[in-house]
Amino acid sequence: MVLGAVVLWEVLATSLEWTVDESLYEFLDFVDATDGYGKLWIWSYLGASVGACSIAVVVDHLNCFLSSSVTRLAVHFYGYALLVTLSLLVTIFLPFHLPKETKGINRTGKALALLRGDGRAMLYASTVLLTGVAGAAVHNFLFWQLEDRGSSELYMGLSVAVGLLAEMLLYFFKGKLLRTFSSSTIVSISLSLLAAQLLCYSFLWTAWSVLLIQILSAFSSGALWWVVGMTVDDIATPGTARSLDAALQGLCNGGGASLGSFAGGFVVERFGLAVLYRACCVCLVLWLFLFLMVQSKLPQQRKINYSR
């Protein structure tokens, strides 16, 4: 029942989230304040960090201030439902702007055509798909592994917060890092650190060690998307940048994560969790070598973007 309710909400929230996001962007564009749109993810990460730690503290001390008959699953579920309800109420007060002229152009189809027509974009699209597959192994099974190591709920919440905060802190050095290293170097470092994360998870010795490993998420997740964003800016034509970014995000968080969840469940059931992490690690290392080989064969020219 709980699983069905969560799945139903996620299906409904997909279109709702996209609609709210588009409406907010159109409003900011109308008032000429789109520069602030790119920083909204920081507030999202802060909210996720606080929420993960808060619900973890509540569940961890469940027996102290709630009836012993209340299960941990119920607290997680109703906490999730409460936050979802509050977020729906907040959307009522979000500014909304509907453009006067609606162009009948399929921007998503145009964005996909741009991806297919650029070798470097296809290479990065394949990379984010693979990272989505590997990331699903972490998101789906890491908490189970922590529980097997005797972890409390607090460590689980902190592991989420540490990963998000690490990405936020590294963001302040984004400009310097992009000037110092090439795009292929940053992608190589990101893939290497993600592989190292998965390898460390397979040998996870104590629950608290996950906090140290999660620091690597700053590069393995955050820096990778900097390069993807630069690629989008390079190949985008006017009006397609956001559709390109949404397509790549969907490829990672939708296609890659779905494939990784299905395959990961099969591997864990047959061979165990450690084998899953190590298999993902090996696949990432092999893809890293293939990425570098293909990258070296691609033309290094940079397209001029007039979308801004």
Protein backbone atom coordinates (compact mmCIF):
# COMPACT_ATOMS: atom_id res chain seq x y z
CA MET A 1 0.00 0.00 0.00
CA VAL A 2 2.79 2.39 0.96
CA LEU A 3 4.73 1.54 -2.19
CA GLY A 4 1.65 2.05 -4.33
CA ALA A 5 0.97 5.46 -2.77
CA VAL A 6 4.55 6.61 -3.34
CA VAL A 7 4.56 5.39 -6.95
CA LEU A 8 1.23 7.13 -7.63
CA TRP A 9 2.53 10.39 -6.20
CA GLU A 10 5.76 10.21 -8.21
CA VAL A 11 3.79 9.67 -11.42
CA LEU A 12 1.56 12.66 -10.68
CA ALA A 13 4.44 14.81 -9.45
CA THR A 14 6.45 14.39 -12.65
CA SER A 15 4.20 16.63 -14.73
CA LEU A 16 3.44 18.91 -11.76
CA GLU A 17 7.11 19.54 -11.03
CA TRP A 18 7.83 20.31 -14.66
CA THR A 19 4.85 22.67 -14.91
CA VAL A 20 5.82 24.60 -11.77
CA ASP A 21 9.43 24.82 -12.90
CA GLU A 22 8.47 26.10 -16.34
CA SER A 23 6.01 28.62 -14.91
CA LEU A 24 8.59 29.97 -12.48
CA TYR A 25 11.20 30.29 -15.21
CA GLU A 26 8.75 32.09 -17.52
CA PHE A 27 7.93 34.54 -14.73
CA LEU A 28 11.60 35.22 -14.00
CA ASP A 29 12.18 35.69 -17.72
CA PHE A 30 9.24 38.11 -17.85
CA VAL A 31 10.75 40.27 -15.07
CA ASP A 32 14.26 39.85 -16.52
CA ALA A 33 15.61 37.96 -13.50
CA THR A 34 16.59 34.59 -14.96
CA ASP A 35 20.10 34.87 -13.50
CA GLY A 36 18.65 33.95 -10.11
CA TYR A 37 17.03 30.81 -11.50
CA GLY A 38 20.36 29.03 -11.72
CA LYS A 39 20.89 29.37 -7.97
CA LEU A 40 17.56 27.86 -6.90
CA TRP A 41 19.12 24.39 -6.67
CA ILE A 42 21.13 25.60 -3.65
CA TRP A 43 17.93 26.09 -1.67
CA SER A 44 16.71 22.70 -2.84
CA TYR A 45 19.90 21.07 -1.57
CA LEU A 46 19.69 22.91 1.74
CA GLY A 47 16.09 21.78 2.18
CA ALA A 48 16.98 18.18 1.34
CA SER A 49 19.89 18.24 3.80
CA VAL A 50 17.81 19.65 6.64
CA GLY A 51 14.91 17.33 5.86
CA ALA A 52 17.09 14.22 5.74
CA CYS A 53 18.72 15.00 9.08
CA SER A 54 15.47 16.09 10.75
CA ILE A 55 13.45 13.02 9.86
CA ALA A 56 16.44 10.85 10.78
CA VAL A 57 16.57 12.40 14.27
CA VAL A 58 12.82 11.93 14.70
CA VAL A 59 12.92 8.29 13.66
CA ASP A 60 16.13 7.58 15.59
CA HIS A 61 14.52 8.81 18.83
CA LEU A 62 11.10 7.42 18.04
CA ASN A 63 10.67 5.58 21.32
CA CYS A 64 11.49 8.69 23.36
CA PHE A 65 8.56 10.88 22.41
CA LEU A 66 6.11 8.75 20.44
CA SER A 67 4.03 5.73 21.24
CA SER A 68 5.93 2.47 20.92
CA SER A 69 3.14 1.20 18.68
CA VAL A 70 4.13 3.70 15.96
CA THR A 71 6.44 2.00 13.49
CA ARG A 72 9.45 3.63 11.84
CA LEU A 73 7.91 3.03 8.42
CA ALA A 74 4.82 4.99 9.45
CA VAL A 75 6.93 7.96 10.57
CA HIS A 76 8.84 7.96 7.29
CA PHE A 77 5.66 7.69 5.24
CA TYR A 78 3.63 10.34 7.08
CA GLY A 79 6.65 12.64 7.25
CA TYR A 80 6.98 12.30 3.49
CA ALA A 81 3.24 12.90 3.02
CA LEU A 82 3.35 16.00 5.25
CA LEU A 83 6.25 17.55 3.35
CA VAL A 84 4.57 16.80 0.02
CA THR A 85 1.37 18.47 1.21
CA LEU A 86 3.29 21.54 2.39
CA SER A 87 5.11 21.77 -0.93
CA LEU A 88 1.78 21.66 -2.77
CA LEU A 89 0.49 24.52 -0.62
CA VAL A 90 3.61 26.55 -1.37
CA THR A 91 3.09 26.15 -5.12
CA ILE A 92 -0.18 28.08 -4.81
CA PHE A 93 1.80 31.22 -3.94
CA LEU A 94 4.47 30.83 -6.61
CA PRO A 95 4.41 33.55 -9.28
CA PHE A 96 2.89 32.41 -12.54
CA HIS A 97 3.28 33.89 -15.98
CA LEU A 98 1.83 32.59 -19.23
CA PRO A 99 3.56 33.94 -22.34
CA LYS A 100 1.25 35.79 -24.71
CA GLU A 101 2.70 34.05 -27.73
CA THR A 102 2.98 30.28 -27.58
CA LYS A 103 5.10 28.90 -30.36
CA GLY A 104 4.00 25.56 -31.74
CA ILE A 105 7.54 24.19 -31.79
CA ASN A 106 8.42 20.82 -30.35
CA ARG A 107 11.44 21.93 -28.33
CA THR A 108 12.03 18.48 -26.89
CA GLY A 109 12.25 16.93 -30.34
CA LYS A 110 14.55 19.70 -31.49
CA ALA A 111 16.75 19.19 -28.43
CA LEU A 112 17.01 15.46 -29.08
CA ALA A 113 17.95 16.19 -32.69
CA LEU A 114 20.75 18.46 -31.46
CA LEU A 115 22.00 15.68 -29.20
CA ARG A 116 22.05 13.15 -32.02
CA GLY A 117 23.88 15.56 -34.29
CA ASP A 118 26.80 16.27 -31.96
CA GLY A 119 29.36 13.58 -31.14
CA ARG A 120 30.54 15.19 -27.92
CA ALA A 121 26.96 15.64 -26.70
CA MET A 122 26.22 11.97 -27.42
CA LEU A 123 29.34 10.97 -25.50
CA TYR A 124 28.29 13.00 -22.47
CA ALA A 125 24.72 11.72 -22.76
CA SER A 126 26.03 8.16 -22.63
CA THR A 127 28.15 9.12 -19.63
CA VAL A 128 25.24 10.55 -17.64
CA LEU A 129 23.17 7.47 -18.52
CA LEU A 130 25.87 5.22 -17.08
CA THR A 131 26.28 7.38 -13.97
CA GLY A 132 22.52 7.17 -13.49
CA VAL A 133 22.75 3.38 -13.57
CA ALA A 134 25.62 3.38 -11.06
CA GLY A 135 23.96 6.01 -8.88
CA ALA A 136 20.85 3.85 -8.58
CA ALA A 137 22.96 1.19 -6.88
CA VAL A 138 23.92 3.71 -4.20
CA HIS A 139 20.51 5.28 -3.74
CA ASN A 140 18.64 1.98 -3.59
CA PHE A 141 20.89 -0.18 -1.43
CA LEU A 142 23.23 2.01 0.62
CA PHE A 143 20.80 2.38 3.52
CA TRP A 144 20.29 -1.38 3.65
CA GLN A 145 24.03 -1.84 3.85
CA LEU A 146 24.27 0.74 6.64
CA GLU A 147 21.53 -1.07 8.52
CA ASP A 148 23.50 -4.32 8.18
CA ARG A 149 26.47 -2.49 9.74
CA GLY A 150 24.34 -1.53 12.73
CA SER A 151 23.87 2.08 11.64
CA SER A 152 21.34 4.36 13.25
CA GLU A 153 18.91 6.45 11.22
CA LEU A 154 21.01 9.51 11.99
CA TYR A 155 23.97 8.23 9.97
CA MET A 156 21.65 7.58 7.04
CA GLY A 157 20.35 11.14 7.14
CA LEU A 158 23.84 12.57 7.58
CA SER A 159 25.12 10.58 4.60
CA VAL A 160 22.56 12.33 2.39
CA ALA A 161 23.35 15.74 3.87
CA VAL A 162 27.13 15.35 3.56
CA GLY A 163 26.89 14.46 -0.13
CA LEU A 164 24.66 17.45 -0.91
CA LEU A 165 26.66 19.92 1.18
CA ALA A 166 29.90 18.74 -0.42
CA GLU A 167 28.46 19.55 -3.85
CA MET A 168 27.39 22.99 -2.63
CA LEU A 169 30.82 23.81 -1.19
CA LEU A 170 32.65 22.72 -4.35
CA TYR A 171 30.33 24.92 -6.40
CA PHE A 172 32.05 28.03 -5.01
CA PHE A 173 35.25 26.88 -6.76
CA LYS A 174 33.47 26.11 -10.02
CA GLY A 175 34.93 28.99 -12.00
CA LYS A 176 38.50 28.34 -10.92
CA LEU A 177 38.27 24.59 -11.58
CA LEU A 178 36.76 25.06 -15.04
CA ARG A 179 39.54 27.49 -15.94
CA THR A 180 42.23 25.17 -14.60
CA PHE A 181 41.08 21.81 -15.98
CA SER A 182 39.66 20.80 -19.34
CA SER A 183 36.18 19.33 -19.64
CA SER A 184 37.51 15.84 -20.37
CA THR A 185 39.77 16.03 -17.30
CA ILE A 186 36.88 16.95 -15.02
CA VAL A 187 34.73 14.15 -16.43
CA SER A 188 37.60 11.70 -15.96
CA ILE A 189 38.06 12.76 -12.34
CA SER A 190 34.31 12.51 -11.74
CA LEU A 191 34.08 8.99 -13.16
CA SER A 192 37.19 7.91 -11.25
CA LEU A 193 35.84 9.20 -7.95
CA LEU A 194 32.42 7.64 -8.53
CA ALA A 195 34.15 4.31 -9.18
CA ALA A 196 36.20 4.81 -6.01
CA GLN A 197 33.01 5.52 -4.06
CA LEU A 198 31.40 2.31 -5.22
CA LEU A 199 34.54 0.31 -4.45
CA CYS A 200 34.66 1.77 -0.94
CA TYR A 201 30.98 0.98 -0.41
CA SER A 202 31.67 -2.66 -1.25
CA PHE A 203 34.21 -2.78 1.59
CA LEU A 204 32.27 -0.53 3.99
CA TRP A 205 33.80 -1.30 7.38
CA THR A 206 31.77 0.83 9.79
CA ALA A 207 28.66 2.98 9.54
CA TRP A 208 30.44 6.30 10.16
CA SER A 209 32.89 5.71 7.29
CA VAL A 210 30.08 6.40 4.82
CA LEU A 211 30.31 10.08 5.77
CA LEU A 212 33.90 10.24 4.53
CA ILE A 213 33.05 8.42 1.31
CA GLN A 214 30.10 10.71 0.60
CA ILE A 215 32.44 13.71 0.40
CA LEU A 216 33.56 12.36 -2.98
CA SER A 217 30.05 13.14 -4.28
CA ALA A 218 31.16 16.75 -4.71
CA PHE A 219 33.17 15.76 -7.77
CA SER A 220 31.55 12.49 -8.81
CA SER A 221 28.14 14.13 -9.15
CA GLY A 222 28.42 17.92 -8.97
CA ALA A 223 31.44 18.58 -11.19
CA LEU A 224 30.23 16.17 -13.85
CA TRP A 225 27.09 18.22 -14.37
CA TRP A 226 29.12 21.40 -14.74
CA VAL A 227 30.66 19.94 -17.87
CA VAL A 228 27.29 18.70 -19.08
CA GLY A 229 25.92 22.21 -18.61
CA MET A 230 28.80 23.67 -20.63
CA THR A 231 28.10 21.18 -23.42
CA VAL A 232 24.44 22.18 -23.44
CA ASP A 233 25.42 25.84 -23.75
CA ASP A 234 27.76 25.02 -26.64
CA ILE A 235 25.27 23.15 -28.82
CA ALA A 236 21.99 24.82 -27.84
CA THR A 237 20.13 26.96 -30.33
CA PRO A 238 17.80 29.73 -29.12
CA GLY A 239 15.02 28.27 -26.96
CA THR A 240 16.42 24.74 -26.66
CA ALA A 241 18.90 25.01 -23.77
CA ARG A 242 16.37 24.12 -21.08
CA SER A 243 14.93 21.27 -23.14
CA LEU A 244 18.43 19.88 -23.67
CA ASP A 245 19.17 20.05 -19.97
CA ALA A 246 15.84 18.41 -19.11
CA ALA A 247 16.51 15.62 -21.62
CA LEU A 248 19.91 14.87 -20.08
CA GLN A 249 18.52 15.04 -16.54
CA GLY A 250 15.76 12.65 -17.54
CA LEU A 251 18.28 10.35 -19.19
CA CYS A 252 20.25 10.12 -15.94
CA ASN A 253 17.55 10.26 -13.27
CA GLY A 254 14.88 8.51 -15.31
CA GLY A 255 16.36 6.11 -17.83
CA GLY A 256 19.65 5.39 -16.09
CA ALA A 257 18.20 5.11 -12.61
CA SER A 258 15.36 2.86 -13.80
CA LEU A 259 17.73 0.54 -15.62
CA GLY A 260 20.12 0.53 -12.66
CA SER A 261 17.33 -0.23 -10.20
CA PHE A 262 16.06 -3.18 -12.22
CA ALA A 263 19.50 -4.64 -12.93
CA GLY A 264 20.72 -3.85 -9.41
CA GLY A 265 17.87 -5.74 -7.78
CA PHE A 266 18.63 -8.78 -9.91
CA VAL A 267 22.36 -8.71 -9.11
CA VAL A 268 21.82 -8.21 -5.37
CA GLU A 269 19.34 -11.07 -5.21
CA ARG A 270 21.65 -13.45 -7.08
CA PHE A 271 25.16 -12.39 -6.06
CA GLY A 272 24.97 -9.92 -3.17
CA LEU A 273 25.44 -6.21 -2.63
CA ALA A 274 29.25 -6.19 -2.67
CA VAL A 275 29.26 -7.76 -6.14
CA LEU A 276 26.87 -5.08 -7.41
CA TYR A 277 29.10 -2.25 -6.19
CA ARG A 278 32.25 -3.83 -7.62
CA ALA A 279 30.58 -4.59 -10.94
CA CYS A 280 29.46 -0.95 -11.24
CA CYS A 281 32.99 0.14 -10.34
CA VAL A 282 34.52 -2.01 -13.09
CA CYS A 283 31.97 -0.77 -15.65
CA LEU A 284 32.79 2.85 -14.81
CA VAL A 285 36.52 2.25 -15.16
CA LEU A 286 36.03 0.56 -18.54
CA TRP A 287 33.80 3.40 -19.68
CA LEU A 288 36.44 5.91 -18.52
CA PHE A 289 39.02 4.38 -20.86
CA LEU A 290 36.50 4.27 -23.71
CA PHE A 291 35.49 7.87 -22.98
CA LEU A 292 39.09 9.08 -23.20
CA MET A 293 39.66 7.18 -26.45
CA VAL A 294 36.53 8.55 -28.12
CA GLN A 295 37.10 12.04 -26.72
CA SER A 296 40.55 12.20 -28.30
CA LYS A 297 39.08 11.37 -31.72
CA LEU A 298 36.40 14.06 -31.64
CA PRO A 299 37.05 17.50 -33.16
CA GLN A 300 38.00 20.09 -30.58
CA GLN A 301 36.13 22.96 -32.21
CA ARG A 302 33.75 25.00 -30.12
CA LYS A 303 30.46 26.15 -31.54
CA ILE A 304 29.34 29.75 -31.21
CA ASN A 305 26.12 30.02 -29.24
CA TYR A 306 23.82 32.96 -29.94
CA SER A 307 21.01 31.83 -27.61
CA ARG A 308 21.93 34.48 -25.05
